[in-house]
């Protein structure tokens, strides 16, 4: 073989070893970052901090030769895996669910074809009339399982239809409507309930379901309160209350943009 080609091939092999290590580290770092970001939206982050403190204490006990403390931590180590599975059971289930349902290929929602004005007008009208509503907009994670829990609608988005669905005492007013691919896919859908500390006493089942959906998936969830008429937005496990009418459209546009899925909109 040509000496030049041999030298080039050797150089490529050596370079690939460095590149491989860098790629390996980046993948592992991203996984840990993704898990931490997910756990930071739940109470499990406090447990995680506690486990980190225990790990640091274990290291210090060995370095400083604190034999009694080291014995205690060593004997507890065998139970840590079981403890993590029990304590993190809801979070582990959500991580696995999101990993399986996530759309990994980049997708873009065509906001030009999305009748956003119809949706915004309906939300504002229901807010003014103090009509309770719960609206879920699919983003990256497939919501087919939640759609199947409700009544299939598969209709275009119009202000009149949304207000009719949530009009008090109508057959479909309980539960959520789910919007998928610029259509109302289903109504009266059941959503998971949240027990987050973000929820206050004035928040009812509708807000608990909305935040639960935002914790379980990456969906954009909008709520109007039947008690106060306030508009709330839940996304990425965060509750944002008292949304102004003038901000509503821009916030929906912001969160419907795939690039903003990991962003948190600062509402003052």
C-alpha atoms as a PDB file:
ATOM      1  CA  UNK A   1       0.000   0.000   0.000  1.00  0.00           C
ATOM      2  CA  UNK A   2       1.114   3.518  -0.691  1.00  0.00           C
ATOM      3  CA  UNK A   3       3.013   4.887   2.345  1.00  0.00           C
ATOM      4  CA  UNK A   4       1.006   8.091   2.135  1.00  0.00           C
ATOM      5  CA  UNK A   5      -2.298   6.191   2.295  1.00  0.00           C
ATOM      6  CA  UNK A   6      -0.986   4.050   5.137  1.00  0.00           C
ATOM      7  CA  UNK A   7      -0.001   7.148   7.125  1.00  0.00           C
ATOM      8  CA  UNK A   8      -3.343   8.794   6.364  1.00  0.00           C
ATOM      9  CA  UNK A   9      -5.243   5.695   7.487  1.00  0.00           C
ATOM     10  CA  UNK A  10      -3.238   5.506  10.721  1.00  0.00           C
ATOM     11  CA  UNK A  11      -3.933   9.181  11.347  1.00  0.00           C
ATOM     12  CA  UNK A  12      -7.669   8.635  10.786  1.00  0.00           C
ATOM     13  CA  UNK A  13      -7.709   5.697  13.215  1.00  0.00           C
ATOM     14  CA  UNK A  14      -5.906   7.696  15.891  1.00  0.00           C
ATOM     15  CA  UNK A  15      -8.169  10.713  15.338  1.00  0.00           C
ATOM     16  CA  UNK A  16     -11.266   8.527  15.490  1.00  0.00           C
ATOM     17  CA  UNK A  17     -10.257   7.282  18.942  1.00  0.00           C
ATOM     18  CA  UNK A  18     -10.299  10.862  20.236  1.00  0.00           C
ATOM     19  CA  UNK A  19     -13.525  11.681  18.384  1.00  0.00           C
ATOM     20  CA  UNK A  20     -15.147   8.496  19.700  1.00  0.00           C
ATOM     21  CA  UNK A  21     -14.315   9.436  23.294  1.00  0.00           C
ATOM     22  CA  UNK A  22     -15.689  12.952  22.787  1.00  0.00           C
ATOM     23  CA  UNK A  23     -18.920  11.627  21.237  1.00  0.00           C
ATOM     24  CA  UNK A  24     -19.274   9.106  24.068  1.00  0.00           C
ATOM     25  CA  UNK A  25     -18.858  11.814  26.711  1.00  0.00           C
ATOM     26  CA  UNK A  26     -21.289  14.164  24.949  1.00  0.00           C
ATOM     27  CA  UNK A  27     -23.978  11.471  24.691  1.00  0.00           C
ATOM     28  CA  UNK A  28     -23.663  10.534  28.368  1.00  0.00           C
ATOM     29  CA  UNK A  29     -23.628  14.223  29.368  1.00  0.00           C
ATOM     30  CA  UNK A  30     -26.775  14.860  27.337  1.00  0.00           C
ATOM     31  CA  UNK A  31     -28.530  11.882  28.952  1.00  0.00           C
ATOM     32  CA  UNK A  32     -27.666  13.110  32.450  1.00  0.00           C
ATOM     33  CA  UNK A  33     -28.681  16.661  31.524  1.00  0.00           C
ATOM     34  CA  UNK A  34     -32.019  15.447  30.110  1.00  0.00           C
ATOM     35  CA  UNK A  35     -32.733  13.366  33.221  1.00  0.00           C
ATOM     36  CA  UNK A  36     -31.775  16.241  35.530  1.00  0.00           C
ATOM     37  CA  UNK A  37     -33.946  18.684  33.545  1.00  0.00           C
ATOM     38  CA  UNK A  38     -36.860  16.275  33.817  1.00  0.00           C
ATOM     39  CA  UNK A  39     -36.394  15.641  37.539  1.00  0.00           C
ATOM     40  CA  UNK A  40     -35.935  19.357  38.262  1.00  0.00           C
ATOM     41  CA  UNK A  41     -39.607  19.859  37.356  1.00  0.00           C
ATOM     42  CA  UNK A  42     -40.730  17.468  40.097  1.00  0.00           C
ATOM     43  CA  UNK A  43     -40.283  16.893  43.807  1.00  0.00           C
ATOM     44  CA  UNK A  44     -37.811  14.102  43.011  1.00  0.00           C
ATOM     45  CA  UNK A  45     -35.058  16.700  42.639  1.00  0.00           C
ATOM     46  CA  UNK A  46     -34.978  17.016  46.439  1.00  0.00           C
ATOM     47  CA  UNK A  47     -34.457  13.260  46.756  1.00  0.00           C
ATOM     48  CA  UNK A  48     -31.729  13.421  44.119  1.00  0.00           C
ATOM     49  CA  UNK A  49     -29.946  16.150  46.076  1.00  0.00           C
ATOM     50  CA  UNK A  50     -30.167  13.965  49.188  1.00  0.00           C
ATOM     51  CA  UNK A  51     -28.566  11.040  47.351  1.00  0.00           C
ATOM     52  CA  UNK A  52     -25.751  13.312  46.154  1.00  0.00           C
ATOM     53  CA  UNK A  53     -25.103  14.402  49.744  1.00  0.00           C
ATOM     54  CA  UNK A  54     -24.976  10.745  50.838  1.00  0.00           C
ATOM     55  CA  UNK A  55     -22.482  10.003  48.039  1.00  0.00           C
ATOM     56  CA  UNK A  56     -20.269  12.921  49.096  1.00  0.00           C
ATOM     57  CA  UNK A  57     -20.471  11.758  52.718  1.00  0.00           C
ATOM     58  CA  UNK A  58     -19.396   8.264  51.638  1.00  0.00           C
ATOM     59  CA  UNK A  59     -16.347   9.632  49.823  1.00  0.00           C
ATOM     60  CA  UNK A  60     -15.371  11.853  52.768  1.00  0.00           C
ATOM     61  CA  UNK A  61     -15.818   8.995  55.241  1.00  0.00           C
ATOM     62  CA  UNK A  62     -13.243   6.954  53.316  1.00  0.00           C
ATOM     63  CA  UNK A  63     -10.811   9.832  52.857  1.00  0.00           C
ATOM     64  CA  UNK A  64     -11.046  10.930  56.505  1.00  0.00           C
ATOM     65  CA  UNK A  65     -11.259   7.327  57.777  1.00  0.00           C
ATOM     66  CA  UNK A  66     -14.533   7.833  59.606  1.00  0.00           C
ATOM     67  CA  UNK A  67     -15.049   4.111  60.029  1.00  0.00           C
ATOM     68  CA  UNK A  68     -18.434   4.151  61.768  1.00  0.00           C
ATOM     69  CA  UNK A  69     -19.971   6.476  59.191  1.00  0.00           C
ATOM     70  CA  UNK A  70     -18.343   4.479  56.393  1.00  0.00           C
ATOM     71  CA  UNK A  71     -19.754   1.221  57.815  1.00  0.00           C
ATOM     72  CA  UNK A  72     -23.237   2.701  58.009  1.00  0.00           C
ATOM     73  CA  UNK A  73     -23.200   4.042  54.445  1.00  0.00           C
ATOM     74  CA  UNK A  74     -21.663   0.820  53.080  1.00  0.00           C
ATOM     75  CA  UNK A  75     -24.426  -1.268  54.626  1.00  0.00           C
ATOM     76  CA  UNK A  76     -27.101   1.070  53.290  1.00  0.00           C
ATOM     77  CA  UNK A  77     -25.691   0.985  49.761  1.00  0.00           C
ATOM     78  CA  UNK A  78     -27.257  -2.397  48.983  1.00  0.00           C
ATOM     79  CA  UNK A  79     -30.714  -0.898  49.576  1.00  0.00           C
ATOM     80  CA  UNK A  80     -30.170   2.289  47.557  1.00  0.00           C
ATOM     81  CA  UNK A  81     -31.158   0.748  44.191  1.00  0.00           C
ATOM     82  CA  UNK A  82     -34.432  -0.569  45.629  1.00  0.00           C
ATOM     83  CA  UNK A  83     -35.026   2.758  47.370  1.00  0.00           C
ATOM     84  CA  UNK A  84     -34.477   4.682  44.112  1.00  0.00           C
ATOM     85  CA  UNK A  85     -36.930   2.456  42.231  1.00  0.00           C
ATOM     86  CA  UNK A  86     -39.586   2.940  44.913  1.00  0.00           C
ATOM     87  CA  UNK A  87     -39.104   6.678  45.456  1.00  0.00           C
ATOM     88  CA  UNK A  88     -38.633   7.550  41.781  1.00  0.00           C
ATOM     89  CA  UNK A  89     -41.336   5.223  40.435  1.00  0.00           C
ATOM     90  CA  UNK A  90     -43.562   8.002  38.988  1.00  0.00           C
ATOM     91  CA  UNK A  91     -40.582   9.863  37.518  1.00  0.00           C
ATOM     92  CA  UNK A  92     -39.038   6.703  36.036  1.00  0.00           C
ATOM     93  CA  UNK A  93     -42.355   5.865  34.402  1.00  0.00           C
ATOM     94  CA  UNK A  94     -42.589   9.362  32.930  1.00  0.00           C
ATOM     95  CA  UNK A  95     -38.991   9.266  31.656  1.00  0.00           C
ATOM     96  CA  UNK A  96     -39.550   5.938  29.900  1.00  0.00           C
ATOM     97  CA  UNK A  97     -42.887   7.127  28.508  1.00  0.00           C
ATOM     98  CA  UNK A  98     -41.437  10.368  27.142  1.00  0.00           C
ATOM     99  CA  UNK A  99     -38.418   8.544  25.711  1.00  0.00           C
ATOM    100  CA  UNK A 100     -40.659   6.099  23.864  1.00  0.00           C
ATOM    101  CA  UNK A 101     -43.176   8.671  22.648  1.00  0.00           C
ATOM    102  CA  UNK A 102     -40.746  11.441  21.720  1.00  0.00           C
ATOM    103  CA  UNK A 103     -40.417  12.335  18.052  1.00  0.00           C
ATOM    104  CA  UNK A 104     -36.651  12.361  17.575  1.00  0.00           C
ATOM    105  CA  UNK A 105     -36.657  13.573  13.988  1.00  0.00           C
ATOM    106  CA  UNK A 106     -37.088  17.367  13.812  1.00  0.00           C
ATOM    107  CA  UNK A 107     -40.607  18.399  12.938  1.00  0.00           C
ATOM    108  CA  UNK A 108     -42.113  21.802  12.423  1.00  0.00           C
ATOM    109  CA  UNK A 109     -45.721  22.770  12.993  1.00  0.00           C
ATOM    110  CA  UNK A 110     -47.037  24.859  10.157  1.00  0.00           C
ATOM    111  CA  UNK A 111     -48.373  27.805  12.122  1.00  0.00           C
ATOM    112  CA  UNK A 112     -49.535  29.462   8.880  1.00  0.00           C
ATOM    113  CA  UNK A 113     -52.095  26.649   8.404  1.00  0.00           C
ATOM    114  CA  UNK A 114     -53.019  26.596  12.088  1.00  0.00           C
ATOM    115  CA  UNK A 115     -56.177  28.672  12.787  1.00  0.00           C
ATOM    116  CA  UNK A 116     -54.589  30.374  15.772  1.00  0.00           C
ATOM    117  CA  UNK A 117     -56.938  33.370  15.775  1.00  0.00           C
ATOM    118  CA  UNK A 118     -59.933  31.034  16.115  1.00  0.00           C
ATOM    119  CA  UNK A 119     -58.314  29.344  19.107  1.00  0.00           C
ATOM    120  CA  UNK A 120     -57.255  32.587  20.780  1.00  0.00           C
ATOM    121  CA  UNK A 121     -60.675  34.188  20.259  1.00  0.00           C
ATOM    122  CA  UNK A 122     -62.353  31.142  21.816  1.00  0.00           C
ATOM    123  CA  UNK A 123     -60.054  31.194  24.855  1.00  0.00           C
ATOM    124  CA  UNK A 124     -60.555  34.925  25.434  1.00  0.00           C
ATOM    125  CA  UNK A 125     -64.334  34.622  25.043  1.00  0.00           C
ATOM    126  CA  UNK A 126     -64.491  31.738  27.550  1.00  0.00           C
ATOM    127  CA  UNK A 127     -62.262  33.696  29.932  1.00  0.00           C
ATOM    128  CA  UNK A 128     -64.546  36.720  29.759  1.00  0.00           C
ATOM    129  CA  UNK A 129     -67.633  34.554  30.316  1.00  0.00           C
ATOM    130  CA  UNK A 130     -65.885  32.501  33.057  1.00  0.00           C
ATOM    131  CA  UNK A 131     -66.383  29.228  31.232  1.00  0.00           C
ATOM    132  CA  UNK A 132     -63.978  26.527  32.325  1.00  0.00           C
ATOM    133  CA  UNK A 133     -61.937  24.909  29.568  1.00  0.00           C
ATOM    134  CA  UNK A 134     -58.949  22.621  29.142  1.00  0.00           C
ATOM    135  CA  UNK A 135     -57.125  22.645  25.799  1.00  0.00           C
ATOM    136  CA  UNK A 136     -54.128  20.471  24.932  1.00  0.00           C
ATOM    137  CA  UNK A 137     -51.959  21.111  21.854  1.00  0.00           C
ATOM    138  CA  UNK A 138     -49.703  18.265  20.764  1.00  0.00           C
ATOM    139  CA  UNK A 139     -46.070  19.164  20.104  1.00  0.00           C
ATOM    140  CA  UNK A 140     -43.344  16.503  19.931  1.00  0.00           C
ATOM    141  CA  UNK A 141     -44.725  13.593  21.964  1.00  0.00           C
ATOM    142  CA  UNK A 142     -47.547  11.571  20.400  1.00  0.00           C
ATOM    143  CA  UNK A 143     -50.773  11.986  22.405  1.00  0.00           C
ATOM    144  CA  UNK A 144     -52.644   9.124  20.734  1.00  0.00           C
ATOM    145  CA  UNK A 145     -53.173   7.296  24.034  1.00  0.00           C
ATOM    146  CA  UNK A 146     -54.874  10.325  25.581  1.00  0.00           C
ATOM    147  CA  UNK A 147     -56.910  10.953  22.429  1.00  0.00           C
ATOM    148  CA  UNK A 148     -58.293   7.417  22.630  1.00  0.00           C
ATOM    149  CA  UNK A 149     -59.551   8.095  26.171  1.00  0.00           C
ATOM    150  CA  UNK A 150     -62.031  10.683  24.864  1.00  0.00           C
ATOM    151  CA  UNK A 151     -64.607  11.127  22.135  1.00  0.00           C
ATOM    152  CA  UNK A 152     -63.180  11.381  18.624  1.00  0.00           C
ATOM    153  CA  UNK A 153     -64.057  14.694  16.962  1.00  0.00           C
ATOM    154  CA  UNK A 154     -61.543  15.086  14.109  1.00  0.00           C
ATOM    155  CA  UNK A 155     -62.852  18.519  13.157  1.00  0.00           C
ATOM    156  CA  UNK A 156     -61.319  21.830  12.200  1.00  0.00           C
ATOM    157  CA  UNK A 157     -60.560  24.416  14.857  1.00  0.00           C
ATOM    158  CA  UNK A 158     -63.239  27.100  15.071  1.00  0.00           C
ATOM    159  CA  UNK A 159     -64.196  29.476  17.845  1.00  0.00           C
ATOM    160  CA  UNK A 160     -67.828  28.329  17.743  1.00  0.00           C
ATOM    161  CA  UNK A 161     -66.961  24.625  18.059  1.00  0.00           C
ATOM    162  CA  UNK A 162     -64.578  25.113  20.980  1.00  0.00           C
ATOM    163  CA  UNK A 163     -67.050  27.289  22.879  1.00  0.00           C
ATOM    164  CA  UNK A 164     -69.847  24.807  22.188  1.00  0.00           C
ATOM    165  CA  UNK A 165     -67.788  21.889  23.516  1.00  0.00           C
ATOM    166  CA  UNK A 166     -67.020  23.664  26.798  1.00  0.00           C
ATOM    167  CA  UNK A 167     -70.449  25.247  27.265  1.00  0.00           C
ATOM    168  CA  UNK A 168     -71.689  24.173  30.730  1.00  0.00           C
ATOM    169  CA  UNK A 169     -73.702  20.942  30.929  1.00  0.00           C
ATOM    170  CA  UNK A 170     -73.022  19.884  27.352  1.00  0.00           C
ATOM    171  CA  UNK A 171     -72.034  16.194  26.957  1.00  0.00           C
ATOM    172  CA  UNK A 172     -68.378  16.937  26.150  1.00  0.00           C
ATOM    173  CA  UNK A 173     -67.632  19.852  28.471  1.00  0.00           C
ATOM    174  CA  UNK A 174     -65.899  17.664  31.083  1.00  0.00           C
ATOM    175  CA  UNK A 175     -62.334  16.707  30.257  1.00  0.00           C
ATOM    176  CA  UNK A 176     -59.937  18.151  27.711  1.00  0.00           C
ATOM    177  CA  UNK A 177     -59.891  18.690  23.995  1.00  0.00           C
ATOM    178  CA  UNK A 178     -56.697  17.618  22.262  1.00  0.00           C
ATOM    179  CA  UNK A 179     -55.492  19.430  19.162  1.00  0.00           C
ATOM    180  CA  UNK A 180     -53.353  17.362  16.813  1.00  0.00           C
ATOM    181  CA  UNK A 181     -52.107  18.505  13.409  1.00  0.00           C
ATOM    182  CA  UNK A 182     -54.267  21.656  13.392  1.00  0.00           C
ATOM    183  CA  UNK A 183     -57.470  19.704  14.138  1.00  0.00           C
ATOM    184  CA  UNK A 184     -59.516  18.982  17.243  1.00  0.00           C
ATOM    185  CA  UNK A 185     -58.738  15.271  17.451  1.00  0.00           C
ATOM    186  CA  UNK A 186     -60.919  14.474  20.466  1.00  0.00           C
ATOM    187  CA  UNK A 187     -62.906  15.948  23.342  1.00  0.00           C
ATOM    188  CA  UNK A 188     -63.757  14.836  26.892  1.00  0.00           C
ATOM    189  CA  UNK A 189     -60.270  13.311  27.202  1.00  0.00           C
ATOM    190  CA  UNK A 190     -58.924  12.100  30.537  1.00  0.00           C
ATOM    191  CA  UNK A 191     -55.574  13.515  31.659  1.00  0.00           C
ATOM    192  CA  UNK A 192     -53.203  12.493  34.488  1.00  0.00           C
ATOM    193  CA  UNK A 193     -53.481  14.519  37.693  1.00  0.00           C
ATOM    194  CA  UNK A 194     -50.518  16.344  39.203  1.00  0.00           C
ATOM    195  CA  UNK A 195     -49.642  16.689  42.869  1.00  0.00           C
ATOM    196  CA  UNK A 196     -47.106  19.459  42.264  1.00  0.00           C
ATOM    197  CA  UNK A 197     -46.504  22.106  44.901  1.00  0.00           C
ATOM    198  CA  UNK A 198     -47.063  24.718  42.213  1.00  0.00           C
ATOM    199  CA  UNK A 199     -50.788  24.091  42.625  1.00  0.00           C
ATOM    200  CA  UNK A 200     -52.587  26.199  45.201  1.00  0.00           C
ATOM    201  CA  UNK A 201     -55.854  25.699  47.066  1.00  0.00           C
ATOM    202  CA  UNK A 202     -57.771  27.697  44.475  1.00  0.00           C
ATOM    203  CA  UNK A 203     -56.678  25.337  41.708  1.00  0.00           C
ATOM    204  CA  UNK A 204     -59.213  22.627  41.000  1.00  0.00           C
ATOM    205  CA  UNK A 205     -59.197  19.342  39.103  1.00  0.00           C
ATOM    206  CA  UNK A 206     -58.910  21.100  35.744  1.00  0.00           C
ATOM    207  CA  UNK A 207     -55.606  22.758  36.697  1.00  0.00           C
ATOM    208  CA  UNK A 208     -54.319  19.519  38.252  1.00  0.00           C
ATOM    209  CA  UNK A 209     -55.065  17.652  35.045  1.00  0.00           C
ATOM    210  CA  UNK A 210     -53.462  20.371  32.923  1.00  0.00           C
ATOM    211  CA  UNK A 211     -50.242  20.398  34.946  1.00  0.00           C
ATOM    212  CA  UNK A 212     -50.216  16.605  35.048  1.00  0.00           C
ATOM    213  CA  UNK A 213     -50.312  16.562  31.250  1.00  0.00           C
ATOM    214  CA  UNK A 214     -47.490  19.124  31.087  1.00  0.00           C
ATOM    215  CA  UNK A 215     -45.416  16.926  33.410  1.00  0.00           C
ATOM    216  CA  UNK A 216     -46.113  13.681  31.554  1.00  0.00           C
ATOM    217  CA  UNK A 217     -45.641  15.076  28.022  1.00  0.00           C
ATOM    218  CA  UNK A 218     -44.242  18.109  26.224  1.00  0.00           C
ATOM    219  CA  UNK A 219     -47.734  19.266  25.202  1.00  0.00           C
ATOM    220  CA  UNK A 220     -48.863  22.877  25.471  1.00  0.00           C
ATOM    221  CA  UNK A 221     -51.869  23.043  27.810  1.00  0.00           C
ATOM    222  CA  UNK A 222     -54.185  26.036  28.219  1.00  0.00           C
ATOM    223  CA  UNK A 223     -56.807  26.453  30.937  1.00  0.00           C
ATOM    224  CA  UNK A 224     -59.534  28.988  31.599  1.00  0.00           C
ATOM    225  CA  UNK A 225     -60.917  29.110  35.118  1.00  0.00           C
ATOM    226  CA  UNK A 226     -64.654  29.030  35.653  1.00  0.00           C
ATOM    227  CA  UNK A 227     -64.241  30.746  39.041  1.00  0.00           C
ATOM    228  CA  UNK A 228     -62.009  33.684  38.095  1.00  0.00           C
ATOM    229  CA  UNK A 229     -61.822  33.595  34.301  1.00  0.00           C
ATOM    230  CA  UNK A 230     -58.017  33.607  34.545  1.00  0.00           C
ATOM    231  CA  UNK A 231     -56.050  32.008  31.725  1.00  0.00           C
ATOM    232  CA  UNK A 232     -53.208  29.668  32.647  1.00  0.00           C
ATOM    233  CA  UNK A 233     -50.603  27.963  30.489  1.00  0.00           C
ATOM    234  CA  UNK A 234     -48.834  24.745  31.476  1.00  0.00           C
ATOM    235  CA  UNK A 235     -45.797  23.575  29.541  1.00  0.00           C
ATOM    236  CA  UNK A 236     -42.610  21.677  30.394  1.00  0.00           C
ATOM    237  CA  UNK A 237     -43.969  20.967  33.872  1.00  0.00           C
ATOM    238  CA  UNK A 238     -44.370  24.664  34.682  1.00  0.00           C
ATOM    239  CA  UNK A 239     -47.543  26.528  35.632  1.00  0.00           C
ATOM    240  CA  UNK A 240     -47.957  30.088  34.372  1.00  0.00           C
ATOM    241  CA  UNK A 241     -51.019  31.901  35.678  1.00  0.00           C
ATOM    242  CA  UNK A 242     -52.941  35.073  34.865  1.00  0.00           C
ATOM    243  CA  UNK A 243     -51.908  35.283  31.225  1.00  0.00           C
ATOM    244  CA  UNK A 244     -52.862  38.617  29.675  1.00  0.00           C
ATOM    245  CA  UNK A 245     -55.050  38.654  26.597  1.00  0.00           C
ATOM    246  CA  UNK A 246     -52.414  40.688  24.770  1.00  0.00           C
ATOM    247  CA  UNK A 247     -49.736  38.066  25.501  1.00  0.00           C
ATOM    248  CA  UNK A 248     -51.777  34.946  24.784  1.00  0.00           C
ATOM    249  CA  UNK A 249     -51.289  34.681  21.022  1.00  0.00           C
ATOM    250  CA  UNK A 250     -47.549  35.354  21.139  1.00  0.00           C
ATOM    251  CA  UNK A 251     -47.054  32.805  23.924  1.00  0.00           C
ATOM    252  CA  UNK A 252     -48.889  30.102  21.986  1.00  0.00           C
ATOM    253  CA  UNK A 253     -46.801  30.897  18.905  1.00  0.00           C
ATOM    254  CA  UNK A 254     -43.657  30.793  21.015  1.00  0.00           C
ATOM    255  CA  UNK A 255     -44.386  27.332  22.412  1.00  0.00           C
ATOM    256  CA  UNK A 256     -45.617  25.917  19.111  1.00  0.00           C
ATOM    257  CA  UNK A 257     -42.184  26.605  17.660  1.00  0.00           C
ATOM    258  CA  UNK A 258     -40.141  23.362  18.046  1.00  0.00           C
ATOM    259  CA  UNK A 259     -37.028  25.369  18.953  1.00  0.00           C
ATOM    260  CA  UNK A 260     -38.739  26.671  22.098  1.00  0.00           C
ATOM    261  CA  UNK A 261     -39.662  23.274  23.591  1.00  0.00           C
ATOM    262  CA  UNK A 262     -37.021  23.540  26.283  1.00  0.00           C
ATOM    263  CA  UNK A 263     -37.505  27.258  26.888  1.00  0.00           C
ATOM    264  CA  UNK A 264     -39.401  28.810  29.754  1.00  0.00           C
ATOM    265  CA  UNK A 265     -41.347  31.959  28.959  1.00  0.00           C
ATOM    266  CA  UNK A 266     -40.858  34.626  31.639  1.00  0.00           C
ATOM    267  CA  UNK A 267     -44.245  35.977  32.629  1.00  0.00           C
ATOM    268  CA  UNK A 268     -44.333  38.940  34.981  1.00  0.00           C
END
